[in-house]
């Protein structure tokens, strides 16, 4: 029985990757029913999450939110915070797309706290990027700046060149919007030191290229 559910789940993933959404939903729901009938809610949560992603891809946001929240509750009840963080993250994405910015920030913050606790720096950086982007959408640049500073520090520590480049440009946008007189004090407060050296040069150069 569990073998069939696992097969249905994998077939759902393949169909989803091929954008055959109705087929994917059918397979995920078959797997979900088997797990629910067996009382195995933990595995059911996995298919709830996947059903949420399919609905999100189709912009069926209310459906997606319901599935993500169902998965989230199961993970929280099981005290699996790491898996719960993925659903917090997805709920944040949907709220952001619907311009429910305060809701999005709340979800992203919850996801970030968990990822940081588990030292999953890739997902920490991803979440910080989206969190900062929400503040930018609200033109709240002074709030976005320390988030991007934190993210750049992570990418520098792990020598992730793509991430470094992304955050240099994000910081350049903040510099352009805030001006040096506001940018520098926020940097000092966030890091305890001046923005200087190669990092400063890269940010200022990127700012100048923005025009």
Protein backbone atom coordinates (compact mmCIF):
# COMPACT_ATOMS: atom_id res chain seq x y z
CA UNK A 1 0.00 0.00 0.00
CA UNK A 2 2.76 2.43 0.97
CA UNK A 3 4.68 1.40 -2.11
CA UNK A 4 1.74 2.44 -4.27
CA UNK A 5 1.49 5.77 -2.49
CA UNK A 6 5.18 6.40 -3.05
CA UNK A 7 4.79 5.56 -6.74
CA UNK A 8 1.82 7.91 -7.04
CA UNK A 9 3.88 10.65 -5.41
CA UNK A 10 6.77 10.19 -7.84
CA UNK A 11 4.41 10.10 -10.81
CA UNK A 12 2.91 13.34 -9.53
CA UNK A 13 6.35 14.96 -9.44
CA UNK A 14 7.06 13.89 -13.04
CA UNK A 15 3.69 15.17 -14.24
CA UNK A 16 4.20 18.46 -12.41
CA UNK A 17 7.65 18.92 -13.96
CA UNK A 18 6.01 18.37 -17.37
CA UNK A 19 3.35 20.99 -16.52
CA UNK A 20 0.62 18.33 -16.68
CA UNK A 21 -1.04 19.83 -13.64
CA UNK A 22 -4.34 17.93 -13.69
CA UNK A 23 -2.45 14.65 -13.94
CA UNK A 24 -0.12 15.68 -11.11
CA UNK A 25 -3.03 16.63 -8.86
CA UNK A 26 -4.69 13.28 -9.52
CA UNK A 27 -1.57 11.35 -8.53
CA UNK A 28 -0.87 13.46 -5.44
CA UNK A 29 -4.46 13.07 -4.27
CA UNK A 30 -4.25 9.28 -4.68
CA UNK A 31 -1.10 9.20 -2.55
CA UNK A 32 -2.66 11.57 -0.02
CA UNK A 33 -5.74 9.38 0.38
CA UNK A 34 -3.66 6.27 1.02
CA UNK A 35 -1.64 8.02 3.73
CA UNK A 36 -4.70 9.61 5.33
CA UNK A 37 -6.61 6.34 5.33
CA UNK A 38 -3.61 4.71 7.01
CA UNK A 39 -3.47 7.50 9.57
CA UNK A 40 0.04 8.45 8.44
CA UNK A 41 -0.38 12.21 8.50
CA UNK A 42 3.34 12.89 8.35
CA UNK A 43 3.62 11.44 4.84
CA UNK A 44 0.27 12.99 3.97
CA UNK A 45 1.82 16.40 4.68
CA UNK A 46 4.35 15.84 1.92
CA UNK A 47 1.57 15.45 -0.65
CA UNK A 48 -0.36 18.37 0.80
CA UNK A 49 2.75 20.48 0.21
CA UNK A 50 3.06 19.26 -3.38
CA UNK A 51 -0.62 19.92 -4.04
CA UNK A 52 0.01 23.42 -2.75
CA UNK A 53 2.86 23.93 -5.19
CA UNK A 54 0.72 22.78 -8.12
CA UNK A 55 -2.09 25.13 -7.12
CA UNK A 56 0.42 27.96 -6.71
CA UNK A 57 1.86 27.35 -10.17
CA UNK A 58 -1.68 27.67 -11.54
CA UNK A 59 -2.25 30.82 -9.46
CA UNK A 60 -5.02 29.09 -7.51
CA UNK A 61 -3.82 30.87 -4.40
CA UNK A 62 -6.69 30.06 -2.04
CA UNK A 63 -6.33 26.36 -2.81
CA UNK A 64 -2.57 26.54 -2.36
CA UNK A 65 -2.87 28.33 0.99
CA UNK A 66 -5.25 25.66 2.29
CA UNK A 67 -2.87 22.85 1.35
CA UNK A 68 0.20 24.61 2.75
CA UNK A 69 -1.59 25.35 6.01
CA UNK A 70 -2.70 21.73 6.28
CA UNK A 71 0.88 20.54 5.79
CA UNK A 72 2.15 23.20 8.19
CA UNK A 73 -0.17 22.06 10.97
CA UNK A 74 0.94 18.45 10.58
CA UNK A 75 4.62 19.37 10.71
CA UNK A 76 4.14 21.66 13.70
CA UNK A 77 2.19 18.97 15.56
CA UNK A 78 5.02 16.54 14.80
CA UNK A 79 7.54 19.18 15.96
CA UNK A 80 9.30 18.99 12.59
CA UNK A 81 10.13 22.67 12.40
CA UNK A 82 12.49 22.32 9.45
CA UNK A 83 9.74 20.93 7.20
CA UNK A 84 7.32 23.52 8.58
CA UNK A 85 9.71 26.26 7.45
CA UNK A 86 9.21 25.29 3.80
CA UNK A 87 5.47 25.85 4.17
CA UNK A 88 6.01 29.15 5.96
CA UNK A 89 8.20 30.14 3.04
CA UNK A 90 5.61 29.18 0.43
CA UNK A 91 2.84 30.97 2.34
CA UNK A 92 5.06 34.03 2.33
CA UNK A 93 5.47 33.79 -1.44
CA UNK A 94 1.73 33.67 -1.97
CA UNK A 95 1.08 36.58 0.38
CA UNK A 96 3.77 38.56 -1.45
CA UNK A 97 2.19 37.85 -4.84
CA UNK A 98 -1.15 39.01 -3.46
CA UNK A 99 0.56 42.14 -2.07
CA UNK A 100 -0.37 41.18 1.48
CA UNK A 101 2.99 42.50 2.60
CA UNK A 102 2.63 42.33 6.38
CA UNK A 103 1.45 38.72 6.11
CA UNK A 104 4.35 37.87 3.80
CA UNK A 105 6.90 39.41 6.16
CA UNK A 106 5.49 37.44 9.08
CA UNK A 107 5.79 34.15 7.20
CA UNK A 108 9.26 34.91 5.83
CA UNK A 109 10.49 35.84 9.31
CA UNK A 110 9.24 32.54 10.72
CA UNK A 111 10.90 30.58 7.91
CA UNK A 112 14.15 32.53 8.30
CA UNK A 113 14.35 31.89 12.06
CA UNK A 114 14.00 28.14 11.53
CA UNK A 115 16.46 27.94 8.62
CA UNK A 116 18.99 29.93 10.61
CA UNK A 117 18.53 27.65 13.62
CA UNK A 118 19.27 24.66 11.38
CA UNK A 119 22.15 26.53 9.69
CA UNK A 120 20.71 25.99 6.21
CA UNK A 121 22.47 29.05 4.86
CA UNK A 122 21.22 28.61 1.29
CA UNK A 123 17.60 28.80 2.43
CA UNK A 124 18.43 31.54 4.92
CA UNK A 125 19.75 33.64 2.05
CA UNK A 126 16.79 32.81 -0.18
CA UNK A 127 14.35 33.85 2.50
CA UNK A 128 16.22 37.05 3.31
CA UNK A 129 16.13 37.95 -0.40
CA UNK A 130 12.37 37.64 -0.49
CA UNK A 131 11.93 39.41 2.85
CA UNK A 132 14.01 42.33 1.65
CA UNK A 133 12.11 42.40 -1.63
CA UNK A 134 8.84 42.84 0.25
CA UNK A 135 10.24 45.86 2.06
CA UNK A 136 11.43 47.24 -1.28
CA UNK A 137 7.95 46.82 -2.74
CA UNK A 138 6.71 49.00 0.11
CA UNK A 139 9.53 51.50 -0.53
CA UNK A 140 10.72 50.76 2.99
CA UNK A 141 14.38 50.85 2.05
CA UNK A 142 15.71 51.49 5.56
CA UNK A 143 14.15 48.18 6.67
CA UNK A 144 15.34 46.28 3.60
CA UNK A 145 18.95 47.44 3.96
CA UNK A 146 19.93 45.52 7.15
CA UNK A 147 18.32 42.38 5.73
CA UNK A 148 20.45 42.60 2.59
CA UNK A 149 23.52 43.35 4.69
CA UNK A 150 22.93 40.17 6.72
CA UNK A 151 22.45 38.15 3.54
CA UNK A 152 25.62 39.51 1.93
CA UNK A 153 27.60 38.54 5.04
CA UNK A 154 26.34 34.96 4.69
CA UNK A 155 27.24 34.79 0.99
CA UNK A 156 30.70 36.26 1.64
CA UNK A 157 31.30 33.75 4.43
CA UNK A 158 30.45 30.88 2.10
CA UNK A 159 32.10 32.46 -0.96
CA UNK A 160 28.96 32.14 -3.07
CA UNK A 161 29.77 34.40 -5.99
CA UNK A 162 26.26 34.41 -7.47
CA UNK A 163 24.78 35.34 -4.12
CA UNK A 164 27.43 37.99 -3.52
CA UNK A 165 26.65 39.60 -6.87
CA UNK A 166 22.92 39.55 -6.19
CA UNK A 167 23.23 41.28 -2.84
CA UNK A 168 25.81 43.81 -4.04
CA UNK A 169 23.22 44.97 -6.55
CA UNK A 170 20.45 44.91 -3.94
CA UNK A 171 22.61 47.06 -1.66
CA UNK A 172 23.39 49.38 -4.57
CA UNK A 173 19.65 49.96 -4.99
CA UNK A 174 19.39 50.78 -1.29
CA UNK A 175 22.30 53.20 -1.57
CA UNK A 176 20.67 54.88 -4.54
CA UNK A 177 17.34 55.25 -2.73
CA UNK A 178 18.64 56.24 0.70
CA UNK A 179 21.75 58.21 -0.17
CA UNK A 180 25.10 57.87 1.60
CA UNK A 181 24.01 59.91 4.62
CA UNK A 182 21.32 57.37 5.54
CA UNK A 183 22.99 54.25 4.14
CA UNK A 184 26.18 54.53 6.18
CA UNK A 185 24.61 54.80 9.68
CA UNK A 186 22.36 51.80 8.99
CA UNK A 187 25.41 49.83 7.81
CA UNK A 188 27.33 50.77 10.97
CA UNK A 189 24.43 49.78 13.20
CA UNK A 190 24.01 46.44 11.40
CA UNK A 191 27.70 45.48 11.28
CA UNK A 192 29.44 47.51 13.95
CA UNK A 193 31.87 48.89 11.40
CA UNK A 194 32.12 51.15 8.37
CA UNK A 195 31.27 50.01 4.89
CA UNK A 196 34.75 50.00 3.41
CA UNK A 197 37.24 48.25 1.16
CA UNK A 198 36.31 46.02 -1.76
CA UNK A 199 32.71 45.64 -0.61
CA UNK A 200 32.18 49.39 -0.52
CA UNK A 201 33.82 49.79 -3.91
CA UNK A 202 31.60 47.09 -5.42
CA UNK A 203 28.40 48.60 -3.99
CA UNK A 204 29.26 52.14 -5.07
CA UNK A 205 30.25 50.95 -8.57
CA UNK A 206 27.00 49.03 -8.91
CA UNK A 207 25.09 52.11 -7.70
CA UNK A 208 26.75 54.26 -10.38
CA UNK A 209 25.81 51.71 -13.05
CA UNK A 210 22.15 51.98 -12.08
CA UNK A 211 22.11 55.47 -13.59
